């Protein structure tokens, strides 16, 4: 009986919120970075959901916007996804008419992917909504500080990239 009451009490206790305790300024930087990334990803997911676009699709669409034509293997790498995960997402994007696949003429195993006009339209709409979230994320941050944050994030990615 006492154990059951203690269990009930634990389940009613409020958990530490963002900005408090270990989730606040004194927390581990890696944890805080993941906490922020998770919150921003959730906001982007909510922003693009009405378009029928998932965060994984947005990542792949964005890479294709910037790269033009890319192999399926490189698309997965550039979007920071496994080949298997990206493959499933690409299949759904192909069914939706957002991408086309074409076998490379010089190498039988390479599949080239590119956006269709509909894929470009969907990508632009999703990127616009994601951009609104990013602008909100940077609200109150001056240009110099933003440049420092961007440089630091890029430096971290370069420094810790698998070689």
Protein backbone atom coordinates (compact mmCIF):
# COMPACT_ATOMS: atom_id res chain seq x y z
CA UNK A 1 0.00 0.00 0.00
CA UNK A 2 2.77 2.44 0.95
CA UNK A 3 4.72 1.55 -2.22
CA UNK A 4 1.65 2.24 -4.34
CA UNK A 5 1.17 5.65 -2.71
CA UNK A 6 4.83 6.53 -3.27
CA UNK A 7 4.47 5.52 -6.93
CA UNK A 8 1.38 7.74 -7.31
CA UNK A 9 3.22 10.66 -5.71
CA UNK A 10 6.20 10.23 -8.07
CA UNK A 11 3.91 10.22 -11.11
CA UNK A 12 2.25 13.49 -9.97
CA UNK A 13 5.54 15.31 -9.39
CA UNK A 14 6.33 18.03 -11.93
CA UNK A 15 9.36 17.30 -14.04
CA UNK A 16 12.18 19.78 -14.54
CA UNK A 17 11.20 22.19 -17.33
CA UNK A 18 13.38 23.82 -19.99
CA UNK A 19 15.48 26.57 -18.43
CA UNK A 20 15.41 24.98 -14.96
CA UNK A 21 18.15 23.07 -13.15
CA UNK A 22 20.13 20.76 -15.39
CA UNK A 23 17.96 21.95 -18.33
CA UNK A 24 19.05 25.57 -17.74
CA UNK A 25 22.20 27.65 -18.28
CA UNK A 26 24.28 25.49 -15.94
CA UNK A 27 23.44 22.26 -17.81
CA UNK A 28 25.80 20.31 -20.03
CA UNK A 29 26.20 22.13 -23.35
CA UNK A 30 25.58 18.99 -25.42
CA UNK A 31 22.33 18.35 -23.56
CA UNK A 32 21.25 21.97 -23.97
CA UNK A 33 22.04 21.82 -27.70
CA UNK A 34 19.92 18.68 -28.09
CA UNK A 35 17.13 20.22 -25.99
CA UNK A 36 17.05 23.28 -28.25
CA UNK A 37 17.26 21.18 -31.43
CA UNK A 38 14.36 19.00 -30.27
CA UNK A 39 12.21 22.04 -29.48
CA UNK A 40 12.99 23.73 -32.82
CA UNK A 41 12.42 20.48 -34.73
CA UNK A 42 9.01 20.14 -33.06
CA UNK A 43 8.09 23.69 -34.01
CA UNK A 44 9.19 23.08 -37.62
CA UNK A 45 7.26 19.81 -37.68
CA UNK A 46 4.10 21.63 -36.56
CA UNK A 47 4.70 24.38 -39.15
CA UNK A 48 5.11 22.04 -42.13
CA UNK A 49 2.55 19.40 -41.15
CA UNK A 50 -0.35 21.23 -42.87
CA UNK A 51 1.61 20.91 -46.13
CA UNK A 52 1.82 17.13 -45.71
CA UNK A 53 5.60 17.32 -45.30
CA UNK A 54 7.57 15.55 -42.57
CA UNK A 55 10.87 16.80 -41.09
CA UNK A 56 12.72 13.95 -42.87
CA UNK A 57 11.15 14.96 -46.19
CA UNK A 58 12.05 18.60 -45.55
CA UNK A 59 15.67 17.61 -44.98
CA UNK A 60 15.85 15.67 -48.23
CA UNK A 61 13.96 18.30 -50.19
CA UNK A 62 16.31 21.01 -48.87
CA UNK A 63 19.39 19.04 -49.91
CA UNK A 64 17.92 18.52 -53.37
CA UNK A 65 17.12 22.22 -53.69
CA UNK A 66 20.76 23.06 -53.02
CA UNK A 67 22.47 20.15 -54.79
CA UNK A 68 20.23 19.85 -57.86
CA UNK A 69 20.89 16.25 -58.86
CA UNK A 70 22.45 13.91 -56.31
CA UNK A 71 22.88 10.17 -55.83
CA UNK A 72 20.62 8.50 -53.33
CA UNK A 73 23.64 7.55 -51.18
CA UNK A 74 24.95 11.13 -51.12
CA UNK A 75 21.46 12.47 -50.43
CA UNK A 76 21.25 10.34 -47.30
CA UNK A 77 24.71 11.46 -46.12
CA UNK A 78 24.05 15.14 -46.75
CA UNK A 79 20.69 14.95 -44.93
CA UNK A 80 22.38 13.13 -42.02
CA UNK A 81 20.20 10.04 -42.40
CA UNK A 82 20.93 6.36 -42.89
CA UNK A 83 20.60 5.09 -46.43
CA UNK A 84 17.73 2.85 -45.34
CA UNK A 85 15.79 5.71 -43.71
CA UNK A 86 16.35 8.02 -46.64
CA UNK A 87 15.34 5.27 -49.08
CA UNK A 88 11.92 4.92 -47.48
CA UNK A 89 11.39 8.67 -47.42
CA UNK A 90 12.47 8.99 -51.06
CA UNK A 91 9.98 6.26 -52.04
CA UNK A 92 7.16 8.26 -50.46
CA UNK A 93 8.39 11.46 -52.11
CA UNK A 94 8.50 9.70 -55.47
CA UNK A 95 4.91 8.44 -54.99
CA UNK A 96 3.88 12.02 -54.17
CA UNK A 97 5.49 13.20 -57.42
CA UNK A 98 8.15 15.33 -55.70
CA UNK A 99 11.26 13.52 -57.00
CA UNK A 100 12.32 11.41 -59.95
CA UNK A 101 14.94 8.67 -60.03
CA UNK A 102 17.24 7.93 -62.93
CA UNK A 103 19.89 5.22 -63.21
CA UNK A 104 23.36 6.54 -63.94
CA UNK A 105 24.54 5.71 -67.44
CA UNK A 106 28.13 5.08 -66.37
CA UNK A 107 27.52 3.09 -63.19
CA UNK A 108 24.66 0.62 -62.82
CA UNK A 109 24.28 0.97 -59.06
CA UNK A 110 24.07 4.75 -58.84
CA UNK A 111 20.58 6.24 -58.79
CA UNK A 112 20.31 9.98 -59.46
CA UNK A 113 17.53 11.91 -57.74
CA UNK A 114 16.14 15.29 -58.67
CA UNK A 115 13.14 17.41 -57.79
CA UNK A 116 10.12 17.65 -60.03
CA UNK A 117 8.40 21.02 -60.48
CA UNK A 118 5.87 19.90 -57.83
CA UNK A 119 8.77 18.93 -55.55
CA UNK A 120 10.26 22.41 -55.97
CA UNK A 121 6.90 24.00 -55.11
CA UNK A 122 6.47 21.84 -51.99
CA UNK A 123 10.08 22.43 -50.96
CA UNK A 124 9.71 26.21 -51.29
CA UNK A 125 6.52 26.25 -49.22
CA UNK A 126 8.02 24.02 -46.51
CA UNK A 127 11.29 25.98 -46.42
CA UNK A 128 9.31 29.22 -46.05
CA UNK A 129 7.48 27.85 -43.01
CA UNK A 130 10.68 26.41 -41.52
CA UNK A 131 12.37 29.78 -42.12
CA UNK A 132 9.67 31.48 -40.05
CA UNK A 133 10.48 29.16 -37.14
CA UNK A 134 14.20 29.87 -37.55
CA UNK A 135 13.56 33.62 -37.56
CA UNK A 136 11.59 33.23 -34.33
CA UNK A 137 14.46 31.19 -32.91
CA UNK A 138 16.85 34.07 -33.67
CA UNK A 139 14.51 36.81 -32.41
CA UNK A 140 16.49 39.15 -30.19
CA UNK A 141 19.86 37.89 -31.44
CA UNK A 142 21.95 40.59 -33.14
CA UNK A 143 23.74 39.94 -36.43
CA UNK A 144 27.19 39.61 -34.86
CA UNK A 145 26.00 37.08 -32.31
CA UNK A 146 24.16 35.14 -35.00
CA UNK A 147 27.35 35.01 -37.08
CA UNK A 148 29.26 33.74 -34.01
CA UNK A 149 26.65 31.05 -33.35
CA UNK A 150 26.70 29.94 -36.99
CA UNK A 151 30.51 29.81 -37.06
CA UNK A 152 30.59 27.85 -33.79
CA UNK A 153 28.04 25.30 -35.03
CA UNK A 154 29.95 24.81 -38.30
CA UNK A 155 33.23 24.49 -36.39
CA UNK A 156 31.70 21.84 -34.12
CA UNK A 157 30.42 19.89 -37.12
CA UNK A 158 33.83 20.01 -38.80
CA UNK A 159 35.77 19.22 -35.64
CA UNK A 160 33.66 16.22 -34.68
CA UNK A 161 32.84 14.85 -38.15
CA UNK A 162 33.68 11.19 -38.65
CA UNK A 163 36.77 10.91 -40.75
